[in-house]
């Protein structure tokens, strides 16, 4: 298994993605992210792990929607 990225490396990748999405324009952002996700999943260790990752991401959205509004 490949080593994970350091927090600094993750920040650099996040920043690079933000710059690229800005350059592509808002209308292409969803497509860009979908392509990045599919390429990342295709390089993942296998179907089961990729499916588990999708479940974790979906669950994080569900948890976020159940959080109280900080403005309240």
PDB file of N, CA and C in Angstrom:
ATOM      1  N   UNK A   1       0.849  -1.185   0.000  1.00  0.00           N
ATOM      2  CA  UNK A   1       0.000   0.000   0.000  1.00  0.00           C
ATOM      3  C   UNK A   1       0.893   1.247   0.000  1.00  0.00           C
ATOM      4  N   UNK A   2       0.490   2.245  -0.748  1.00  0.00           N
ATOM      5  CA  UNK A   2       1.264   3.474  -0.826  1.00  0.00           C
ATOM      6  C   UNK A   2       1.087   4.288   0.450  1.00  0.00           C
ATOM      7  N   UNK A   3       2.135   5.024   0.835  1.00  0.00           N
ATOM      8  CA  UNK A   3       2.001   5.869   2.026  1.00  0.00           C
ATOM      9  C   UNK A   3       0.999   6.991   1.792  1.00  0.00           C
ATOM     10  N   UNK A   4       0.386   7.431   2.870  1.00  0.00           N
ATOM     11  CA  UNK A   4      -0.567   8.532   2.760  1.00  0.00           C
ATOM     12  C   UNK A   4       0.175   9.853   2.649  1.00  0.00           C
ATOM     13  N   UNK A   5      -0.538  10.873   2.218  1.00  0.00           N
ATOM     14  CA  UNK A   5       0.067  12.196   2.098  1.00  0.00           C
ATOM     15  C   UNK A   5       0.121  12.873   3.461  1.00  0.00           C
ATOM     16  N   UNK A   6       1.113  13.714   3.612  1.00  0.00           N
ATOM     17  CA  UNK A   6       1.227  14.501   4.838  1.00  0.00           C
ATOM     18  C   UNK A   6       0.173  15.607   4.806  1.00  0.00           C
ATOM     19  N   UNK A   7      -0.125  16.219   5.940  1.00  0.00           N
ATOM     20  CA  UNK A   7      -1.068  17.339   5.939  1.00  0.00           C
ATOM     21  C   UNK A   7      -0.643  18.461   4.986  1.00  0.00           C
ATOM     22  N   UNK A   8       0.645  18.708   4.894  1.00  0.00           N
ATOM     23  CA  UNK A   8       1.135  19.749   3.982  1.00  0.00           C
ATOM     24  C   UNK A   8       0.879  19.363   2.531  1.00  0.00           C
ATOM     25  N   UNK A   9       1.125  18.100   2.197  1.00  0.00           N
ATOM     26  CA  UNK A   9       0.880  17.634   0.829  1.00  0.00           C
ATOM     27  C   UNK A   9      -0.607  17.691   0.491  1.00  0.00           C
ATOM     28  N   UNK A  10      -1.454  17.287   1.435  1.00  0.00           N
ATOM     29  CA  UNK A  10      -2.901  17.369   1.211  1.00  0.00           C
ATOM     30  C   UNK A  10      -3.330  18.808   0.964  1.00  0.00           C
ATOM     31  N   UNK A  11      -2.778  19.738   1.729  1.00  0.00           N
ATOM     32  CA  UNK A  11      -3.096  21.148   1.547  1.00  0.00           C
ATOM     33  C   UNK A  11      -2.652  21.632   0.174  1.00  0.00           C
ATOM     34  N   UNK A  12      -1.473  21.198  -0.271  1.00  0.00           N
ATOM     35  CA  UNK A  12      -0.984  21.597  -1.588  1.00  0.00           C
ATOM     36  C   UNK A  12      -1.873  21.057  -2.702  1.00  0.00           C
ATOM     37  N   UNK A  13      -2.318  19.810  -2.570  1.00  0.00           N
ATOM     38  CA  UNK A  13      -3.210  19.218  -3.574  1.00  0.00           C
ATOM     39  C   UNK A  13      -4.550  19.936  -3.570  1.00  0.00           C
ATOM     40  N   UNK A  14      -5.085  20.207  -2.389  1.00  0.00           N
ATOM     41  CA  UNK A  14      -6.358  20.933  -2.277  1.00  0.00           C
ATOM     42  C   UNK A  14      -6.250  22.296  -2.953  1.00  0.00           C
ATOM     43  N   UNK A  15      -5.161  23.006  -2.688  1.00  0.00           N
ATOM     44  CA  UNK A  15      -4.960  24.327  -3.282  1.00  0.00           C
ATOM     45  C   UNK A  15      -4.854  24.223  -4.798  1.00  0.00           C
ATOM     46  N   UNK A  16      -4.116  23.228  -5.281  1.00  0.00           N
ATOM     47  CA  UNK A  16      -3.984  23.035  -6.730  1.00  0.00           C
ATOM     48  C   UNK A  16      -5.342  22.747  -7.367  1.00  0.00           C
ATOM     49  N   UNK A  17      -6.155  21.915  -6.703  1.00  0.00           N
ATOM     50  CA  UNK A  17      -7.494  21.626  -7.224  1.00  0.00           C
ATOM     51  C   UNK A  17      -8.337  22.890  -7.276  1.00  0.00           C
ATOM     52  N   UNK A  18      -8.262  23.703  -6.242  1.00  0.00           N
ATOM     53  CA  UNK A  18      -9.039  24.948  -6.211  1.00  0.00           C
ATOM     54  C   UNK A  18      -8.645  25.870  -7.355  1.00  0.00           C
ATOM     55  N   UNK A  19      -7.343  26.014  -7.583  1.00  0.00           N
ATOM     56  CA  UNK A  19      -6.881  26.861  -8.687  1.00  0.00           C
ATOM     57  C   UNK A  19      -7.363  26.324 -10.034  1.00  0.00           C
ATOM     58  N   UNK A  20      -7.298  25.008 -10.211  1.00  0.00           N
ATOM     59  CA  UNK A  20      -7.724  24.412 -11.483  1.00  0.00           C
ATOM     60  C   UNK A  20      -9.219  24.563 -11.690  1.00  0.00           C
ATOM     61  N   UNK A  21      -9.997  24.368 -10.626  1.00  0.00           N
ATOM     62  CA  UNK A  21     -11.449  24.531 -10.760  1.00  0.00           C
ATOM     63  C   UNK A  21     -11.803  25.977 -11.056  1.00  0.00           C
ATOM     64  N   UNK A  22     -11.098  26.912 -10.447  1.00  0.00           N
ATOM     65  CA  UNK A  22     -11.326  28.328 -10.725  1.00  0.00           C
ATOM     66  C   UNK A  22     -11.028  28.623 -12.186  1.00  0.00           C
ATOM     67  N   UNK A  23      -9.923  28.082 -12.697  1.00  0.00           N
ATOM     68  CA  UNK A  23      -9.551  28.305 -14.092  1.00  0.00           C
ATOM     69  C   UNK A  23     -10.567  27.688 -15.052  1.00  0.00           C
ATOM     70  N   UNK A  24     -11.140  26.540 -14.673  1.00  0.00           N
ATOM     71  CA  UNK A  24     -12.126  25.877 -15.528  1.00  0.00           C
ATOM     72  C   UNK A  24     -13.478  26.570 -15.501  1.00  0.00           C
ATOM     73  N   UNK A  25     -13.762  27.271 -14.443  1.00  0.00           N
ATOM     74  CA  UNK A  25     -15.044  27.947 -14.306  1.00  0.00           C
ATOM     75  C   UNK A  25     -16.038  27.110 -13.527  1.00  0.00           C
ATOM     76  N   UNK A  26     -16.968  27.809 -12.895  1.00  0.00           N
ATOM     77  CA  UNK A  26     -17.951  27.145 -12.035  1.00  0.00           C
ATOM     78  C   UNK A  26     -18.766  26.093 -12.784  1.00  0.00           C
ATOM     79  N   UNK A  27     -19.057  26.344 -14.056  1.00  0.00           N
ATOM     80  CA  UNK A  27     -19.883  25.407 -14.824  1.00  0.00           C
ATOM     81  C   UNK A  27     -19.184  24.065 -15.060  1.00  0.00           C
ATOM     82  N   UNK A  28     -17.865  23.984 -14.906  1.00  0.00           N
ATOM     83  CA  UNK A  28     -17.130  22.733 -15.100  1.00  0.00           C
ATOM     84  C   UNK A  28     -16.679  22.085 -13.793  1.00  0.00           C
ATOM     85  N   UNK A  29     -16.947  22.723 -12.666  1.00  0.00           N
ATOM     86  CA  UNK A  29     -16.452  22.233 -11.381  1.00  0.00           C
ATOM     87  C   UNK A  29     -16.969  20.835 -11.054  1.00  0.00           C
ATOM     88  N   UNK A  30     -18.252  20.596 -11.206  1.00  0.00           N
ATOM     89  CA  UNK A  30     -18.816  19.278 -10.873  1.00  0.00           C
ATOM     90  C   UNK A  30     -18.218  18.183 -11.744  1.00  0.00           C
ATOM     91  N   UNK A  31     -18.059  18.465 -13.030  1.00  0.00           N
ATOM     92  CA  UNK A  31     -17.477  17.480 -13.941  1.00  0.00           C
ATOM     93  C   UNK A  31     -16.020  17.197 -13.572  1.00  0.00           C
ATOM     94  N   UNK A  32     -15.274  18.242 -13.250  1.00  0.00           N
ATOM     95  CA  UNK A  32     -13.872  18.079 -12.841  1.00  0.00           C
ATOM     96  C   UNK A  32     -13.781  17.185 -11.605  1.00  0.00           C
ATOM     97  N   UNK A  33     -14.594  17.482 -10.594  1.00  0.00           N
ATOM     98  CA  UNK A  33     -14.562  16.692  -9.361  1.00  0.00           C
ATOM     99  C   UNK A  33     -14.992  15.251  -9.608  1.00  0.00           C
ATOM    100  N   UNK A  34     -15.979  15.051 -10.474  1.00  0.00           N
ATOM    101  CA  UNK A  34     -16.421  13.693 -10.796  1.00  0.00           C
ATOM    102  C   UNK A  34     -15.299  12.906 -11.468  1.00  0.00           C
ATOM    103  N   UNK A  35     -14.586  13.540 -12.371  1.00  0.00           N
ATOM    104  CA  UNK A  35     -13.480  12.856 -13.049  1.00  0.00           C
ATOM    105  C   UNK A  35     -12.352  12.531 -12.078  1.00  0.00           C
ATOM    106  N   UNK A  36     -12.028  13.472 -11.203  1.00  0.00           N
ATOM    107  CA  UNK A  36     -10.993  13.211 -10.193  1.00  0.00           C
ATOM    108  C   UNK A  36     -11.417  12.027  -9.322  1.00  0.00           C
ATOM    109  N   UNK A  37     -12.676  12.024  -8.904  1.00  0.00           N
ATOM    110  CA  UNK A  37     -13.171  10.943  -8.047  1.00  0.00           C
ATOM    111  C   UNK A  37     -13.104   9.595  -8.756  1.00  0.00           C
ATOM    112  N   UNK A  38     -13.538   9.542 -10.013  1.00  0.00           N
ATOM    113  CA  UNK A  38     -13.514   8.271 -10.743  1.00  0.00           C
ATOM    114  C   UNK A  38     -12.091   7.776 -10.958  1.00  0.00           C
ATOM    115  N   UNK A  39     -11.184   8.682 -11.290  1.00  0.00           N
ATOM    116  CA  UNK A  39      -9.783   8.271 -11.454  1.00  0.00           C
ATOM    117  C   UNK A  39      -9.199   7.780 -10.135  1.00  0.00           C
ATOM    118  N   UNK A  40      -9.513   8.466  -9.045  1.00  0.00           N
ATOM    119  CA  UNK A  40      -9.019   8.041  -7.735  1.00  0.00           C
ATOM    120  C   UNK A  40      -9.587   6.674  -7.360  1.00  0.00           C
ATOM    121  N   UNK A  41     -10.878   6.478  -7.596  1.00  0.00           N
ATOM    122  CA  UNK A  41     -11.495   5.190  -7.277  1.00  0.00           C
ATOM    123  C   UNK A  41     -10.923   4.071  -8.139  1.00  0.00           C
ATOM    124  N   UNK A  42     -10.621   4.368  -9.398  1.00  0.00           N
ATOM    125  CA  UNK A  42     -10.083   3.324 -10.278  1.00  0.00           C
ATOM    126  C   UNK A  42      -8.689   2.889  -9.839  1.00  0.00           C
ATOM    127  N   UNK A  43      -7.999   3.746  -9.101  1.00  0.00           N
ATOM    128  CA  UNK A  43      -6.665   3.414  -8.598  1.00  0.00           C
ATOM    129  C   UNK A  43      -6.716   2.842  -7.186  1.00  0.00           C
ATOM    130  N   UNK A  44      -7.911   2.748  -6.629  1.00  0.00           N
ATOM    131  CA  UNK A  44      -8.088   2.228  -5.277  1.00  0.00           C
ATOM    132  C   UNK A  44      -7.815   0.730  -5.277  1.00  0.00           C
ATOM    133  N   UNK A  45      -7.747   0.125  -4.124  1.00  0.00           N
ATOM    134  CA  UNK A  45      -7.343  -1.271  -4.012  1.00  0.00           C
ATOM    135  C   UNK A  45      -8.361  -2.276  -4.523  1.00  0.00           C
ATOM    136  N   UNK A  46      -9.579  -1.897  -4.724  1.00  0.00           N
ATOM    137  CA  UNK A  46     -10.547  -2.842  -5.247  1.00  0.00           C
ATOM    138  C   UNK A  46     -11.968  -2.352  -5.083  1.00  0.00           C
ATOM    139  N   UNK A  47     -12.880  -3.128  -5.654  1.00  0.00           N
ATOM    140  CA  UNK A  47     -14.292  -2.758  -5.655  1.00  0.00           C
ATOM    141  C   UNK A  47     -14.835  -2.587  -4.248  1.00  0.00           C
ATOM    142  N   UNK A  48     -14.545  -3.528  -3.357  1.00  0.00           N
ATOM    143  CA  UNK A  48     -15.089  -3.479  -1.998  1.00  0.00           C
ATOM    144  C   UNK A  48     -14.632  -2.229  -1.266  1.00  0.00           C
ATOM    145  N   UNK A  49     -13.341  -1.915  -1.355  1.00  0.00           N
ATOM    146  CA  UNK A  49     -12.830  -0.712  -0.697  1.00  0.00           C
ATOM    147  C   UNK A  49     -13.414   0.551  -1.315  1.00  0.00           C
ATOM    148  N   UNK A  50     -13.545   0.571  -2.644  1.00  0.00           N
ATOM    149  CA  UNK A  50     -14.115   1.740  -3.314  1.00  0.00           C
ATOM    150  C   UNK A  50     -15.572   1.927  -2.907  1.00  0.00           C
ATOM    151  N   UNK A  51     -16.331   0.831  -2.826  1.00  0.00           N
ATOM    152  CA  UNK A  51     -17.732   0.912  -2.411  1.00  0.00           C
ATOM    153  C   UNK A  51     -17.836   1.397  -0.967  1.00  0.00           C
ATOM    154  N   UNK A  52     -16.939   0.931  -0.112  1.00  0.00           N
ATOM    155  CA  UNK A  52     -16.916   1.370   1.288  1.00  0.00           C
ATOM    156  C   UNK A  52     -16.623   2.871   1.366  1.00  0.00           C
ATOM    157  N   UNK A  53     -15.708   3.338   0.540  1.00  0.00           N
ATOM    158  CA  UNK A  53     -15.380   4.760   0.505  1.00  0.00           C
ATOM    159  C   UNK A  53     -16.596   5.589   0.103  1.00  0.00           C
ATOM    160  N   UNK A  54     -17.328   5.142  -0.911  1.00  0.00           N
ATOM    161  CA  UNK A  54     -18.542   5.852  -1.325  1.00  0.00           C
ATOM    162  C   UNK A  54     -19.551   5.915  -0.185  1.00  0.00           C
ATOM    163  N   UNK A  55     -19.688   4.810   0.552  1.00  0.00           N
ATOM    164  CA  UNK A  55     -20.603   4.795   1.698  1.00  0.00           C
ATOM    165  C   UNK A  55     -20.160   5.793   2.773  1.00  0.00           C
ATOM    166  N   UNK A  56     -18.852   5.846   3.036  1.00  0.00           N
ATOM    167  CA  UNK A  56     -18.338   6.778   4.046  1.00  0.00           C
ATOM    168  C   UNK A  56     -18.594   8.225   3.647  1.00  0.00           C
ATOM    169  N   UNK A  57     -18.398   8.531   2.375  1.00  0.00           N
ATOM    170  CA  UNK A  57     -18.638   9.899   1.907  1.00  0.00           C
ATOM    171  C   UNK A  57     -20.117  10.241   2.034  1.00  0.00           C
ATOM    172  N   UNK A  58     -20.992   9.334   1.609  1.00  0.00           N
ATOM    173  CA  UNK A  58     -22.433   9.576   1.726  1.00  0.00           C
ATOM    174  C   UNK A  58     -22.835   9.771   3.177  1.00  0.00           C
ATOM    175  N   UNK A  59     -22.276   8.949   4.046  1.00  0.00           N
ATOM    176  CA  UNK A  59     -22.586   9.043   5.474  1.00  0.00           C
ATOM    177  C   UNK A  59     -22.126  10.381   6.048  1.00  0.00           C
ATOM    178  N   UNK A  60     -20.992  10.893   5.590  1.00  0.00           N
ATOM    179  CA  UNK A  60     -20.513  12.176   6.104  1.00  0.00           C
ATOM    180  C   UNK A  60     -21.462  13.307   5.727  1.00  0.00           C
ATOM    181  N   UNK A  61     -22.109  13.204   4.568  1.00  0.00           N
ATOM    182  CA  UNK A  61     -23.094  14.211   4.182  1.00  0.00           C
ATOM    183  C   UNK A  61     -24.337  14.102   5.057  1.00  0.00           C
ATOM    184  N   UNK A  62     -24.750  12.870   5.354  1.00  0.00           N
ATOM    185  CA  UNK A  62     -25.910  12.667   6.218  1.00  0.00           C
ATOM    186  C   UNK A  62     -25.640  13.223   7.610  1.00  0.00           C
ATOM    187  N   UNK A  63     -24.446  12.976   8.134  1.00  0.00           N
ATOM    188  CA  UNK A  63     -24.087  13.476   9.460  1.00  0.00           C
ATOM    189  C   UNK A  63     -24.046  14.998   9.471  1.00  0.00           C
ATOM    190  N   UNK A  64     -23.525  15.578   8.407  1.00  0.00           N
ATOM    191  CA  UNK A  64     -23.443  17.040   8.323  1.00  0.00           C
ATOM    192  C   UNK A  64     -24.830  17.664   8.257  1.00  0.00           C
ATOM    193  N   UNK A  65     -25.759  16.998   7.579  1.00  0.00           N
ATOM    194  CA  UNK A  65     -27.106  17.562   7.473  1.00  0.00           C
ATOM    195  C   UNK A  65     -27.864  17.461   8.786  1.00  0.00           C
ATOM    196  N   UNK A  66     -27.419  16.584   9.691  1.00  0.00           N
ATOM    197  CA  UNK A  66     -28.058  16.437  11.001  1.00  0.00           C
ATOM    198  C   UNK A  66     -27.440  17.335  12.064  1.00  0.00           C
ATOM    199  N   UNK A  67     -26.381  18.055  11.708  1.00  0.00           N
ATOM    200  CA  UNK A  67     -25.723  18.937  12.672  1.00  0.00           C
ATOM    201  C   UNK A  67     -26.550  20.200  12.862  1.00  0.00           C
ATOM    202  N   UNK A  68     -26.558  20.738  14.080  1.00  0.00           N
ATOM    203  CA  UNK A  68     -27.304  21.981  14.304  1.00  0.00           C
ATOM    204  C   UNK A  68     -26.665  23.134  13.538  1.00  0.00           C
ATOM    205  N   UNK A  69     -27.495  24.069  13.124  1.00  0.00           N
ATOM    206  CA  UNK A  69     -27.029  25.246  12.398  1.00  0.00           C
ATOM    207  C   UNK A  69     -26.282  26.150  13.367  1.00  0.00           C
ATOM    208  N   UNK A  70     -24.982  26.460  13.088  1.00  0.00           N
ATOM    209  CA  UNK A  70     -24.221  27.299  14.025  1.00  0.00           C
ATOM    210  C   UNK A  70     -24.772  28.720  14.131  1.00  0.00           C
ATOM    211  N   UNK A  71     -25.551  29.157  13.161  1.00  0.00           N
ATOM    212  CA  UNK A  71     -26.129  30.505  13.204  1.00  0.00           C
ATOM    213  C   UNK A  71     -27.320  30.572  14.153  1.00  0.00           C
ATOM    214  N   UNK A  72     -27.818  29.407  14.555  1.00  0.00           N
ATOM    215  CA  UNK A  72     -29.000  29.378  15.437  1.00  0.00           C
ATOM    216  C   UNK A  72     -28.627  29.653  16.867  1.00  0.00           C
TER     217      UNK A  72
END
